[in-house]
Amino acid sequence: MSDKLRIILVDDQCLCRRGLSELLGNCYDFDVIGTTDNIGELRTMLNEKPDLLIVDLRMKPMDGISLLKQLRKEECTVPAIMLTMSDSDADLKNAIRAGVRGYLLKDMPPEEVVDAIRRVAAGELVVAPAMTVKMIEMLRDEQPEQETRNSLKLLTEREREILQLLSRGESNKAIALNLKISYDTVKQHVRHILNKLNLSSRVKAAVLFTKEQETQGIDDL
């Protein structure tokens, strides 16, 4: 039995489907079991029990968000990632409300797309680095548990430095270049940060850090 992540790609542009299929097909842990631009074909492909859907936002005749809402009405519970060119606040909000587990941009570097898909598969809510600040704005009204807020004190100076850069929307690659450390070292630090904060998403960790900075700013007045 294969342990590969079984993926279906839904995009109305053939070139995008082929390019992404080839990218993911070259990964040892992914298995693209179908690509389509047709909801009827998609329904048939869902019988193959995929682990993840990657859906384009701007599609015709049915856009990606409407497609996901329709699938949910049909009791399809397969996790979904939205892959799009749109960096619109409204599109991000609508996609999150539709229950997507990831919101990625098509101009992201291929290695970041692959990394993001793996993180979604591991249970994390993932947005493109360029959308992080917008996501923080969406989530900033959430009140974290006191225990979680206190956990920020457990972070090392380097981990806080990385969390600060994450809160600014920096990608792992950009952080690695900024701090002159390896890409894998950044990923390891982020894992440690999430473990210490008992959070499943770097976005929520960034929200927590931002709120702490705002509180300190008020206290300093």
N, C-alpha and C. Protein backbone atom coordinates (compact mmCIF):
# COMPACT_ATOMS: atom_id res chain seq x y z
N MET A 1 0.85 -1.20 0.00
CA MET A 1 0.00 0.00 0.00
C MET A 1 0.88 1.25 0.00
N SER A 2 0.60 2.21 -0.88
CA SER A 2 1.42 3.40 -1.01
C SER A 2 1.13 4.38 0.11
N ASP A 3 2.21 5.01 0.60
CA ASP A 3 2.06 6.06 1.60
C ASP A 3 2.07 7.44 0.97
N LYS A 4 2.03 7.49 -0.34
CA LYS A 4 2.08 8.77 -1.02
C LYS A 4 0.77 9.53 -0.85
N LEU A 5 0.88 10.87 -0.86
CA LEU A 5 -0.29 11.73 -0.78
C LEU A 5 -0.97 11.74 -2.14
N ARG A 6 -2.21 11.31 -2.17
CA ARG A 6 -2.97 11.19 -3.43
C ARG A 6 -3.68 12.52 -3.71
N ILE A 7 -3.33 13.13 -4.85
CA ILE A 7 -3.76 14.49 -5.15
C ILE A 7 -4.53 14.56 -6.46
N ILE A 8 -5.59 15.39 -6.47
CA ILE A 8 -6.30 15.72 -7.69
C ILE A 8 -6.14 17.21 -7.94
N LEU A 9 -5.79 17.58 -9.18
CA LEU A 9 -5.61 18.97 -9.58
C LEU A 9 -6.82 19.43 -10.39
N VAL A 10 -7.37 20.58 -10.03
CA VAL A 10 -8.53 21.13 -10.73
C VAL A 10 -8.18 22.54 -11.20
N ASP A 11 -8.05 22.71 -12.51
CA ASP A 11 -7.67 24.00 -13.08
C ASP A 11 -8.16 24.03 -14.53
N ASP A 12 -8.67 25.18 -14.96
CA ASP A 12 -9.20 25.25 -16.33
C ASP A 12 -8.13 25.60 -17.35
N GLN A 13 -6.89 25.75 -16.92
CA GLN A 13 -5.78 26.01 -17.84
C GLN A 13 -4.92 24.76 -17.96
N CYS A 14 -4.89 24.20 -19.14
CA CYS A 14 -4.17 22.95 -19.38
C CYS A 14 -2.70 23.07 -19.02
N LEU A 15 -2.09 24.19 -19.36
CA LEU A 15 -0.67 24.38 -19.08
C LEU A 15 -0.39 24.34 -17.59
N CYS A 16 -1.26 24.96 -16.80
CA CYS A 16 -1.09 24.96 -15.35
C CYS A 16 -1.24 23.55 -14.79
N ARG A 17 -2.24 22.82 -15.29
CA ARG A 17 -2.43 21.44 -14.81
C ARG A 17 -1.20 20.59 -15.12
N ARG A 18 -0.70 20.70 -16.34
CA ARG A 18 0.45 19.89 -16.73
C ARG A 18 1.70 20.27 -15.95
N GLY A 19 1.91 21.58 -15.79
CA GLY A 19 3.10 22.03 -15.08
C GLY A 19 3.10 21.60 -13.63
N LEU A 20 1.97 21.78 -12.95
CA LEU A 20 1.89 21.40 -11.54
C LEU A 20 1.95 19.88 -11.38
N SER A 21 1.30 19.17 -12.30
CA SER A 21 1.33 17.71 -12.26
C SER A 21 2.76 17.19 -12.39
N GLU A 22 3.52 17.80 -13.28
CA GLU A 22 4.91 17.39 -13.47
C GLU A 22 5.74 17.71 -12.23
N LEU A 23 5.53 18.90 -11.66
CA LEU A 23 6.26 19.30 -10.45
C LEU A 23 6.00 18.32 -9.31
N LEU A 24 4.73 18.03 -9.06
CA LEU A 24 4.39 17.15 -7.93
C LEU A 24 4.74 15.70 -8.24
N GLY A 25 4.66 15.33 -9.51
CA GLY A 25 4.99 13.96 -9.90
C GLY A 25 6.45 13.62 -9.67
N ASN A 26 7.29 14.65 -9.63
CA ASN A 26 8.71 14.44 -9.38
C ASN A 26 9.05 14.34 -7.90
N CYS A 27 8.04 14.47 -7.05
CA CYS A 27 8.25 14.37 -5.59
C CYS A 27 7.97 12.93 -5.15
N TYR A 28 8.83 12.42 -4.30
CA TYR A 28 8.73 11.02 -3.87
C TYR A 28 7.46 10.71 -3.09
N ASP A 29 6.86 11.75 -2.46
CA ASP A 29 5.74 11.51 -1.55
C ASP A 29 4.39 11.96 -2.11
N PHE A 30 4.34 12.34 -3.39
CA PHE A 30 3.09 12.77 -4.00
C PHE A 30 2.70 11.82 -5.14
N ASP A 31 1.41 11.63 -5.30
CA ASP A 31 0.88 10.84 -6.41
C ASP A 31 -0.32 11.59 -6.99
N VAL A 32 -0.12 12.23 -8.14
CA VAL A 32 -1.21 12.95 -8.80
C VAL A 32 -2.09 11.91 -9.50
N ILE A 33 -3.27 11.66 -8.94
CA ILE A 33 -4.11 10.59 -9.47
C ILE A 33 -5.11 11.09 -10.50
N GLY A 34 -5.16 12.42 -10.69
CA GLY A 34 -6.07 12.95 -11.70
C GLY A 34 -5.94 14.45 -11.86
N THR A 35 -6.19 14.94 -13.07
CA THR A 35 -6.25 16.37 -13.34
C THR A 35 -7.49 16.62 -14.20
N THR A 36 -8.17 17.73 -13.95
CA THR A 36 -9.39 17.99 -14.69
C THR A 36 -9.78 19.46 -14.63
N ASP A 37 -10.65 19.86 -15.55
CA ASP A 37 -11.27 21.18 -15.49
C ASP A 37 -12.79 21.03 -15.50
N ASN A 38 -13.26 19.82 -15.19
CA ASN A 38 -14.67 19.49 -15.34
C ASN A 38 -15.21 18.88 -14.05
N ILE A 39 -16.28 19.45 -13.51
CA ILE A 39 -16.80 18.98 -12.23
C ILE A 39 -17.36 17.57 -12.33
N GLY A 40 -17.89 17.21 -13.51
CA GLY A 40 -18.39 15.85 -13.69
C GLY A 40 -17.26 14.85 -13.60
N GLU A 41 -16.14 15.14 -14.27
CA GLU A 41 -14.96 14.28 -14.19
C GLU A 41 -14.42 14.24 -12.76
N LEU A 42 -14.46 15.38 -12.10
CA LEU A 42 -13.96 15.44 -10.73
C LEU A 42 -14.76 14.52 -9.82
N ARG A 43 -16.07 14.53 -9.98
CA ARG A 43 -16.90 13.65 -9.15
C ARG A 43 -16.50 12.18 -9.34
N THR A 44 -16.21 11.80 -10.58
CA THR A 44 -15.77 10.42 -10.85
C THR A 44 -14.42 10.16 -10.21
N MET A 45 -13.50 11.12 -10.31
CA MET A 45 -12.17 10.96 -9.73
C MET A 45 -12.22 10.84 -8.20
N LEU A 46 -13.21 11.47 -7.59
CA LEU A 46 -13.33 11.42 -6.12
C LEU A 46 -13.58 10.00 -5.63
N ASN A 47 -14.05 9.12 -6.50
CA ASN A 47 -14.24 7.72 -6.13
C ASN A 47 -12.91 7.03 -5.86
N GLU A 48 -11.80 7.64 -6.33
CA GLU A 48 -10.46 7.09 -6.09
C GLU A 48 -9.92 7.48 -4.73
N LYS A 49 -10.73 8.18 -3.94
CA LYS A 49 -10.41 8.56 -2.56
C LYS A 49 -9.09 9.33 -2.45
N PRO A 50 -9.05 10.53 -3.02
CA PRO A 50 -7.85 11.36 -2.91
C PRO A 50 -7.66 11.87 -1.47
N ASP A 51 -6.46 12.26 -1.16
CA ASP A 51 -6.15 12.84 0.14
C ASP A 51 -6.24 14.36 0.11
N LEU A 52 -6.15 14.94 -1.08
CA LEU A 52 -6.08 16.40 -1.19
C LEU A 52 -6.53 16.86 -2.56
N LEU A 53 -7.25 17.99 -2.59
CA LEU A 53 -7.61 18.66 -3.83
C LEU A 53 -6.83 19.96 -3.92
N ILE A 54 -6.29 20.24 -5.10
CA ILE A 54 -5.67 21.54 -5.35
C ILE A 54 -6.49 22.21 -6.44
N VAL A 55 -7.13 23.32 -6.09
CA VAL A 55 -8.17 23.92 -6.94
C VAL A 55 -7.80 25.35 -7.32
N ASP A 56 -7.96 25.68 -8.59
CA ASP A 56 -7.76 27.05 -9.04
C ASP A 56 -8.95 27.90 -8.60
N LEU A 57 -8.70 29.17 -8.35
CA LEU A 57 -9.77 30.07 -7.93
C LEU A 57 -10.58 30.58 -9.13
N ARG A 58 -9.89 31.11 -10.11
CA ARG A 58 -10.55 31.72 -11.26
C ARG A 58 -10.77 30.68 -12.36
N MET A 59 -11.89 30.01 -12.30
CA MET A 59 -12.23 29.00 -13.32
C MET A 59 -13.60 29.31 -13.90
N LYS A 60 -13.83 28.78 -15.09
CA LYS A 60 -15.14 28.88 -15.75
C LYS A 60 -15.60 27.48 -16.11
N PRO A 61 -16.88 27.19 -16.02
CA PRO A 61 -17.97 28.10 -15.68
C PRO A 61 -18.17 28.28 -14.16
N MET A 62 -17.52 27.45 -13.34
CA MET A 62 -17.70 27.54 -11.89
C MET A 62 -16.36 27.87 -11.24
N ASP A 63 -16.32 28.96 -10.47
CA ASP A 63 -15.07 29.33 -9.81
C ASP A 63 -14.74 28.35 -8.68
N GLY A 64 -13.49 28.39 -8.23
CA GLY A 64 -13.03 27.41 -7.26
C GLY A 64 -13.79 27.41 -5.95
N ILE A 65 -14.14 28.59 -5.45
CA ILE A 65 -14.86 28.66 -4.18
C ILE A 65 -16.26 28.08 -4.32
N SER A 66 -16.95 28.42 -5.40
CA SER A 66 -18.29 27.84 -5.63
C SER A 66 -18.20 26.33 -5.80
N LEU A 67 -17.13 25.87 -6.46
CA LEU A 67 -16.94 24.43 -6.63
C LEU A 67 -16.79 23.74 -5.29
N LEU A 68 -15.96 24.30 -4.41
CA LEU A 68 -15.76 23.68 -3.09
C LEU A 68 -17.04 23.68 -2.27
N LYS A 69 -17.79 24.78 -2.34
CA LYS A 69 -19.06 24.84 -1.62
C LYS A 69 -20.02 23.77 -2.13
N GLN A 70 -20.05 23.56 -3.44
CA GLN A 70 -20.91 22.53 -4.02
C GLN A 70 -20.48 21.15 -3.55
N LEU A 71 -19.17 20.90 -3.54
CA LEU A 71 -18.67 19.60 -3.10
C LEU A 71 -19.00 19.35 -1.63
N ARG A 72 -18.92 20.39 -0.81
CA ARG A 72 -19.25 20.23 0.62
C ARG A 72 -20.72 19.88 0.79
N LYS A 73 -21.58 20.48 -0.04
CA LYS A 73 -23.00 20.14 0.01
C LYS A 73 -23.23 18.68 -0.34
N GLU A 74 -22.34 18.15 -1.19
CA GLU A 74 -22.43 16.75 -1.58
C GLU A 74 -21.66 15.84 -0.62
N GLU A 75 -21.29 16.42 0.53
CA GLU A 75 -20.63 15.69 1.62
C GLU A 75 -19.22 15.19 1.26
N CYS A 76 -18.57 15.92 0.39
CA CYS A 76 -17.16 15.64 0.10
C CYS A 76 -16.32 16.34 1.17
N THR A 77 -15.51 15.61 1.89
CA THR A 77 -14.74 16.17 2.99
C THR A 77 -13.23 16.21 2.70
N VAL A 78 -12.85 15.98 1.46
CA VAL A 78 -11.43 15.97 1.10
C VAL A 78 -10.84 17.37 1.32
N PRO A 79 -9.75 17.50 2.07
CA PRO A 79 -9.13 18.82 2.29
C PRO A 79 -8.73 19.44 0.95
N ALA A 80 -8.78 20.78 0.91
CA ALA A 80 -8.50 21.47 -0.35
C ALA A 80 -7.54 22.63 -0.15
N ILE A 81 -6.72 22.84 -1.17
CA ILE A 81 -5.84 24.00 -1.26
C ILE A 81 -6.30 24.84 -2.43
N MET A 82 -6.37 26.16 -2.23
CA MET A 82 -6.67 27.07 -3.33
C MET A 82 -5.36 27.57 -3.90
N LEU A 83 -5.17 27.38 -5.21
CA LEU A 83 -3.97 27.85 -5.90
C LEU A 83 -4.41 28.90 -6.91
N THR A 84 -3.89 30.12 -6.79
CA THR A 84 -4.44 31.22 -7.56
C THR A 84 -3.41 32.32 -7.81
N MET A 85 -3.75 33.22 -8.70
CA MET A 85 -2.95 34.43 -8.90
C MET A 85 -3.47 35.59 -8.06
N SER A 86 -4.63 35.41 -7.43
CA SER A 86 -5.28 36.50 -6.72
C SER A 86 -4.71 36.70 -5.31
N ASP A 87 -4.26 37.93 -5.02
CA ASP A 87 -3.82 38.27 -3.66
C ASP A 87 -4.85 39.18 -2.99
N SER A 88 -6.09 39.06 -3.43
CA SER A 88 -7.18 39.89 -2.91
C SER A 88 -7.58 39.47 -1.49
N ASP A 89 -7.79 40.46 -0.62
CA ASP A 89 -8.27 40.19 0.74
C ASP A 89 -9.60 39.43 0.70
N ALA A 90 -10.49 39.89 -0.17
CA ALA A 90 -11.82 39.28 -0.25
C ALA A 90 -11.74 37.83 -0.69
N ASP A 91 -10.89 37.54 -1.67
CA ASP A 91 -10.76 36.16 -2.13
C ASP A 91 -10.18 35.27 -1.03
N LEU A 92 -9.21 35.79 -0.30
CA LEU A 92 -8.63 35.03 0.82
C LEU A 92 -9.70 34.73 1.87
N LYS A 93 -10.47 35.74 2.25
CA LYS A 93 -11.52 35.55 3.26
C LYS A 93 -12.55 34.53 2.78
N ASN A 94 -12.99 34.66 1.54
CA ASN A 94 -14.00 33.75 1.01
C ASN A 94 -13.48 32.32 0.94
N ALA A 95 -12.20 32.17 0.59
CA ALA A 95 -11.62 30.83 0.51
C ALA A 95 -11.52 30.19 1.89
N ILE A 96 -11.10 30.97 2.88
CA ILE A 96 -11.01 30.45 4.25
C ILE A 96 -12.40 30.08 4.76
N ARG A 97 -13.38 30.91 4.46
CA ARG A 97 -14.76 30.62 4.88
C ARG A 97 -15.29 29.37 4.19
N ALA A 98 -14.78 29.10 3.00
CA ALA A 98 -15.20 27.89 2.27
C ALA A 98 -14.50 26.65 2.80
N GLY A 99 -13.57 26.84 3.74
CA GLY A 99 -12.95 25.71 4.41
C GLY A 99 -11.64 25.23 3.81
N VAL A 100 -10.99 26.06 2.98
CA VAL A 100 -9.72 25.60 2.41
C VAL A 100 -8.67 25.49 3.51
N ARG A 101 -7.72 24.58 3.30
CA ARG A 101 -6.63 24.38 4.26
C ARG A 101 -5.36 25.11 3.84
N GLY A 102 -5.39 25.65 2.61
CA GLY A 102 -4.24 26.39 2.13
C GLY A 102 -4.66 27.39 1.07
N TYR A 103 -3.96 28.52 1.02
CA TYR A 103 -4.20 29.53 0.00
C TYR A 103 -2.83 29.92 -0.56
N LEU A 104 -2.51 29.41 -1.74
CA LEU A 104 -1.20 29.58 -2.34
C LEU A 104 -1.29 30.40 -3.62
N LEU A 105 -0.21 31.11 -3.92
CA LEU A 105 -0.16 31.93 -5.12
C LEU A 105 0.66 31.24 -6.21
N LYS A 106 0.22 31.38 -7.45
CA LYS A 106 0.87 30.68 -8.55
C LYS A 106 2.27 31.20 -8.87
N ASP A 107 2.61 32.38 -8.34
CA ASP A 107 3.95 32.89 -8.58
C ASP A 107 4.93 32.54 -7.47
N MET A 108 4.51 31.68 -6.55
CA MET A 108 5.43 31.21 -5.52
C MET A 108 6.50 30.32 -6.14
N PRO A 109 7.71 30.30 -5.58
CA PRO A 109 8.74 29.37 -6.07
C PRO A 109 8.25 27.93 -5.93
N PRO A 110 8.57 27.07 -6.88
CA PRO A 110 8.09 25.68 -6.84
C PRO A 110 8.38 24.97 -5.52
N GLU A 111 9.58 25.19 -4.95
CA GLU A 111 9.92 24.49 -3.70
C GLU A 111 9.04 24.94 -2.55
N GLU A 112 8.57 26.20 -2.60
CA GLU A 112 7.68 26.69 -1.54
C GLU A 112 6.28 26.09 -1.70
N VAL A 113 5.85 25.90 -2.94
CA VAL A 113 4.56 25.25 -3.18
C VAL A 113 4.58 23.83 -2.66
N VAL A 114 5.64 23.10 -2.97
CA VAL A 114 5.78 21.72 -2.52
C VAL A 114 5.79 21.66 -0.99
N ASP A 115 6.57 22.54 -0.37
CA ASP A 115 6.65 22.57 1.10
C ASP A 115 5.29 22.88 1.71
N ALA A 116 4.56 23.83 1.11
CA ALA A 116 3.25 24.21 1.63
C ALA A 116 2.27 23.05 1.55
N ILE A 117 2.30 22.29 0.46
CA ILE A 117 1.40 21.14 0.31
C ILE A 117 1.70 20.10 1.39
N ARG A 118 2.96 19.88 1.66
CA ARG A 118 3.34 18.92 2.72
C ARG A 118 2.85 19.40 4.08
N ARG A 119 2.94 20.70 4.32
CA ARG A 119 2.48 21.23 5.60
C ARG A 119 0.97 21.11 5.74
N VAL A 120 0.24 21.35 4.67
CA VAL A 120 -1.22 21.16 4.71
C VAL A 120 -1.53 19.69 5.01
N ALA A 121 -0.82 18.80 4.36
CA ALA A 121 -1.04 17.36 4.58
C ALA A 121 -0.77 16.98 6.03
N ALA A 122 0.12 17.72 6.68
CA ALA A 122 0.45 17.45 8.08
C ALA A 122 -0.53 18.10 9.05
N GLY A 123 -1.52 18.82 8.50
CA GLY A 123 -2.56 19.39 9.34
C GLY A 123 -2.47 20.89 9.58
N GLU A 124 -1.54 21.56 8.91
CA GLU A 124 -1.36 22.99 9.13
C GLU A 124 -2.22 23.80 8.18
N LEU A 125 -2.71 24.94 8.66
CA LEU A 125 -3.35 25.92 7.80
C LEU A 125 -2.24 26.77 7.19
N VAL A 126 -2.16 26.81 5.86
CA VAL A 126 -1.03 27.44 5.19
C VAL A 126 -1.51 28.50 4.21
N VAL A 127 -0.88 29.67 4.26
CA VAL A 127 -1.13 30.69 3.24
C VAL A 127 0.21 31.10 2.64
N ALA A 128 0.17 31.61 1.43
CA ALA A 128 1.38 32.10 0.78
C ALA A 128 2.02 33.17 1.65
N PRO A 129 3.35 33.21 1.72
CA PRO A 129 4.02 34.23 2.53
C PRO A 129 3.50 35.64 2.26
N ALA A 130 3.23 35.95 1.00
CA ALA A 130 2.75 37.29 0.66
C ALA A 130 1.37 37.58 1.24
N MET A 131 0.64 36.54 1.66
CA MET A 131 -0.70 36.72 2.22
C MET A 131 -0.70 36.67 3.74
N THR A 132 0.45 36.45 4.37
CA THR A 132 0.51 36.26 5.82
C THR A 132 -0.03 37.46 6.57
N VAL A 133 0.40 38.67 6.20
CA VAL A 133 -0.05 39.87 6.90
C VAL A 133 -1.56 40.02 6.80
N LYS A 134 -2.12 39.72 5.62
CA LYS A 134 -3.58 39.80 5.46
C LYS A 134 -4.29 38.77 6.32
N MET A 135 -3.68 37.58 6.43
CA MET A 135 -4.27 36.54 7.26
C MET A 135 -4.20 36.93 8.74
N ILE A 136 -3.12 37.58 9.13
CA ILE A 136 -3.00 38.06 10.52
C ILE A 136 -4.13 39.03 10.83
N GLU A 137 -4.42 39.93 9.88
CA GLU A 137 -5.50 40.89 10.08
C GLU A 137 -6.83 40.17 10.26
N MET A 138 -7.03 39.07 9.54
CA MET A 138 -8.27 38.31 9.65
C MET A 138 -8.41 37.65 11.02
N LEU A 139 -7.27 37.20 11.58
CA LEU A 139 -7.31 36.39 12.79
C LEU A 139 -7.01 37.18 14.07
N ARG A 140 -6.67 38.44 13.94
CA ARG A 140 -6.14 39.17 15.10
C ARG A 140 -7.17 39.36 16.20
N ASP A 141 -8.46 39.25 15.90
CA ASP A 141 -9.49 39.40 16.93
C ASP A 141 -9.65 38.15 17.78
N GLU A 142 -9.05 37.04 17.34
CA GLU A 142 -9.10 35.83 18.15
C GLU A 142 -8.25 36.02 19.40
N GLN A 143 -8.76 35.58 20.53
CA GLN A 143 -8.03 35.72 21.78
C GLN A 143 -7.36 34.40 22.16
N PRO A 144 -6.03 34.34 22.10
CA PRO A 144 -5.34 33.10 22.45
C PRO A 144 -5.44 32.81 23.95
N GLU A 145 -5.35 31.54 24.28
CA GLU A 145 -5.35 31.14 25.68
C GLU A 145 -4.15 31.75 26.39
N GLN A 146 -4.32 32.06 27.69
CA GLN A 146 -3.23 32.64 28.48
C GLN A 146 -2.01 31.72 28.46
N GLU A 147 -2.24 30.41 28.51
CA GLU A 147 -1.14 29.46 28.49
C GLU A 147 -0.34 29.59 27.20
N THR A 148 -1.04 29.80 26.07
CA THR A 148 -0.35 29.96 24.80
C THR A 148 0.45 31.25 24.77
N ARG A 149 -0.14 32.33 25.30
CA ARG A 149 0.58 33.61 25.34
C ARG A 149 1.84 33.48 26.19
N ASN A 150 1.73 32.78 27.31
CA ASN A 150 2.89 32.60 28.18
C ASN A 150 3.98 31.78 27.50
N SER A 151 3.58 30.92 26.57
CA SER A 151 4.55 30.04 25.90
C SER A 151 5.55 30.82 25.05
N LEU A 152 5.21 32.06 24.69
CA LEU A 152 6.15 32.88 23.94
C LEU A 152 7.45 33.07 24.71
N LYS A 153 7.36 33.01 26.04
CA LYS A 153 8.55 33.18 26.87
C LYS A 153 9.52 32.01 26.74
N LEU A 154 9.02 30.89 26.21
CA LEU A 154 9.87 29.71 26.05
C LEU A 154 10.75 29.79 24.81
N LEU A 155 10.45 30.74 23.93
CA LEU A 155 11.20 30.82 22.69
C LEU A 155 12.59 31.40 22.90
N THR A 156 13.54 30.87 22.17
CA THR A 156 14.89 31.41 22.21
C THR A 156 14.94 32.73 21.44
N GLU A 157 16.05 33.44 21.59
CA GLU A 157 16.20 34.70 20.86
C GLU A 157 16.13 34.47 19.35
N ARG A 158 16.75 33.40 18.87
CA ARG A 158 16.73 33.09 17.44
C ARG A 158 15.32 32.75 16.98
N GLU A 159 14.58 31.99 17.79
CA GLU A 159 13.21 31.62 17.43
C GLU A 159 12.31 32.85 17.38
N ARG A 160 12.50 33.78 18.30
CA ARG A 160 11.71 35.02 18.26
C ARG A 160 12.07 35.84 17.03
N GLU A 161 13.33 35.82 16.66
CA GLU A 161 13.78 36.55 15.48
C GLU A 161 13.10 35.99 14.23
N ILE A 162 13.04 34.66 14.15
CA ILE A 162 12.40 34.01 13.01
C ILE A 162 10.90 34.27 13.02
N LEU A 163 10.28 34.22 14.20
CA LEU A 163 8.84 34.47 14.30
C LEU A 163 8.51 35.90 13.88
N GLN A 164 9.37 36.82 14.23
CA GLN A 164 9.16 38.22 13.82
C GLN A 164 9.17 38.34 12.29
N LEU A 165 10.11 37.66 11.66
CA LEU A 165 10.19 37.69 10.20
C LEU A 165 8.98 37.00 9.56
N LEU A 166 8.53 35.92 10.18
CA LEU A 166 7.31 35.25 9.68
C LEU A 166 6.12 36.19 9.74
N SER A 167 6.02 36.96 10.82
CA SER A 167 4.89 37.87 10.99
C SER A 167 4.91 39.00 9.96
N ARG A 168 6.06 39.22 9.31
CA ARG A 168 6.16 40.23 8.26
C ARG A 168 5.88 39.64 6.88
N GLY A 169 5.58 38.35 6.85
CA GLY A 169 5.26 37.71 5.59
C GLY A 169 6.47 37.17 4.85
N GLU A 170 7.60 37.01 5.54
CA GLU A 170 8.80 36.49 4.90
C GLU A 170 8.67 34.97 4.72
N SER A 171 9.14 34.47 3.59
CA SER A 171 9.15 33.03 3.34
C SER A 171 10.34 32.39 4.05
N ASN A 172 10.34 31.07 4.13
CA ASN A 172 11.48 30.37 4.73
C ASN A 172 12.78 30.71 4.00
N LYS A 173 12.69 30.77 2.68
CA LYS A 173 13.88 31.07 1.87
C LYS A 173 14.40 32.46 2.17
N ALA A 174 13.49 33.43 2.27
CA ALA A 174 13.89 34.81 2.57
C ALA A 174 14.49 34.92 3.96
N ILE A 175 13.91 34.18 4.91
CA ILE A 175 14.44 34.19 6.28
C ILE A 175 15.84 33.60 6.31
N ALA A 176 16.03 32.52 5.58
CA ALA A 176 17.35 31.88 5.52
C ALA A 176 18.39 32.86 4.98
N LEU A 177 18.05 33.58 3.93
CA LEU A 177 18.98 34.55 3.35
C LEU A 177 19.23 35.71 4.31
N ASN A 178 18.18 36.16 4.96
CA ASN A 178 18.27 37.29 5.89
C ASN A 178 19.18 36.97 7.07
N LEU A 179 19.04 35.76 7.61
CA LEU A 179 19.79 35.37 8.81
C LEU A 179 21.07 34.61 8.50
N LYS A 180 21.28 34.37 7.20
CA LYS A 180 22.49 33.65 6.75
C LYS A 180 22.58 32.26 7.38
N ILE A 181 21.44 31.56 7.34
CA ILE A 181 21.38 30.17 7.79
C ILE A 181 20.72 29.36 6.68
N SER A 182 20.73 28.04 6.80
CA SER A 182 20.19 27.21 5.73
C SER A 182 18.66 27.16 5.77
N TYR A 183 18.10 26.83 4.62
CA TYR A 183 16.64 26.68 4.48
C TYR A 183 16.12 25.62 5.45
N ASP A 184 16.83 24.49 5.54
CA ASP A 184 16.41 23.41 6.43
C ASP A 184 16.48 23.83 7.89
N THR A 185 17.45 24.67 8.23
CA THR A 185 17.56 25.16 9.61
C THR A 185 16.36 26.03 9.97
N VAL A 186 15.92 26.85 9.02
CA VAL A 186 14.73 27.67 9.25
C VAL A 186 13.52 26.78 9.49
N LYS A 187 13.33 25.76 8.66
CA LYS A 187 12.21 24.84 8.82
C LYS A 187 12.24 24.18 10.18
N GLN A 188 13.43 23.80 10.63
CA GLN A 188 13.56 23.16 11.94
C GLN A 188 13.19 24.13 13.06
N HIS A 189 13.63 25.38 12.94
CA HIS A 189 13.28 26.38 13.95
C HIS A 189 11.77 26.60 13.99
N VAL A 190 11.14 26.67 12.82
CA VAL A 190 9.69 26.88 12.77
C VAL A 190 8.96 25.71 13.45
N ARG A 191 9.42 24.50 13.21
CA ARG A 191 8.80 23.34 13.88
C ARG A 191 8.92 23.46 15.39
N HIS A 192 10.09 23.88 15.87
CA HIS A 192 10.29 24.05 17.31
C HIS A 192 9.37 25.14 17.87
N ILE A 193 9.22 26.22 17.11
CA ILE A 193 8.34 27.31 17.54
C ILE A 193 6.90 26.82 17.70
N LEU A 194 6.40 26.10 16.71
CA LEU A 194 5.02 25.61 16.75
C LEU A 194 4.84 24.60 17.88
N ASN A 195 5.84 23.77 18.11
CA ASN A 195 5.76 22.80 19.20
C ASN A 195 5.71 23.49 20.56
N LYS A 196 6.55 24.50 20.74
CA LYS A 196 6.58 25.22 22.01
C LYS A 196 5.28 25.98 22.26
N LEU A 197 4.71 26.52 21.20
CA LEU A 197 3.46 27.29 21.34
C LEU A 197 2.23 26.40 21.27
N ASN A 198 2.43 25.12 20.96
CA ASN A 198 1.32 24.17 20.82
C ASN A 198 0.31 24.67 19.79
N LEU A 199 0.85 25.12 18.65
CA LEU A 199 0.02 25.63 17.56
C LEU A 199 0.29 24.80 16.30
N SER A 200 -0.73 24.70 15.45
CA SER A 200 -0.58 23.91 14.23
C SER A 200 -0.29 24.77 13.01
N SER A 201 -0.25 26.08 13.19
CA SER A 201 -0.08 26.97 12.04
C SER A 201 0.90 28.09 12.35
N ARG A 202 1.82 28.34 11.44
CA ARG A 202 2.75 29.46 11.60
C ARG A 202 2.00 30.78 11.52
N VAL A 203 0.88 30.79 10.83
CA VAL A 203 0.08 32.02 10.76
C VAL A 203 -0.43 32.38 12.15
N LYS A 204 -0.94 31.39 12.88
CA LYS A 204 -1.43 31.66 14.22
C LYS A 204 -0.29 32.06 15.16
N ALA A 205 0.88 31.49 14.94
CA ALA A 205 2.05 31.88 15.73
C ALA A 205 2.40 33.34 15.44
N ALA A 206 2.32 33.74 14.18
CA ALA A 206 2.60 35.12 13.79
C ALA A 206 1.57 36.07 14.40
N VAL A 207 0.30 35.65 14.43
CA VAL A 207 -0.75 36.45 15.06
C VAL A 207 -0.43 36.66 16.53
N LEU A 208 -0.03 35.59 17.21
CA LEU A 208 0.29 35.66 18.64
C LEU A 208 1.44 36.64 18.88
N PHE A 209 2.48 36.55 18.05
CA PHE A 209 3.63 37.43 18.19
C PHE A 209 3.22 38.89 17.96
N THR A 210 2.41 39.12 16.93
CA THR A 210 1.96 40.48 16.62
C THR A 210 1.16 41.08 17.76
N LYS A 211 0.29 40.28 18.35
CA LYS A 211 -0.52 40.75 19.48
C LYS A 211 0.37 41.09 20.67
N GLU A 212 1.39 40.28 20.90
CA GLU A 212 2.32 40.54 22.00
C GLU A 212 3.03 41.87 21.78
N GLN A 213 3.47 42.12 20.54
CA GLN A 213 4.16 43.36 20.24
C GLN A 213 3.24 44.57 20.41
N GLU A 214 1.99 44.40 20.02
CA GLU A 214 1.03 45.49 20.19
C GLU A 214 0.79 45.79 21.67
N THR A 215 0.69 44.72 22.48
CA THR A 215 0.47 44.88 23.92
C THR A 215 1.65 45.58 24.55
N GLN A 216 2.86 45.21 24.17
CA GLN A 216 4.06 45.84 24.71
C GLN A 216 4.11 47.31 24.32
N GLY A 217 3.69 47.59 23.08
CA GLY A 217 3.68 48.97 22.62
C GLY A 217 2.74 49.83 23.44
N ILE A 218 1.57 49.28 23.79
CA ILE A 218 0.60 50.00 24.63
C ILE A 218 1.16 50.21 26.03
N ASP A 219 1.80 49.16 26.58
CA ASP A 219 2.35 49.26 27.93
C ASP A 219 3.47 50.28 28.03
N ASP A 220 4.16 50.51 26.89
CA ASP A 220 5.29 51.45 26.89
C ASP A 220 4.86 52.89 26.79
N LEU A 221 3.57 53.11 26.48
CA LEU A 221 3.09 54.49 26.35
C LEU A 221 3.03 55.19 27.70
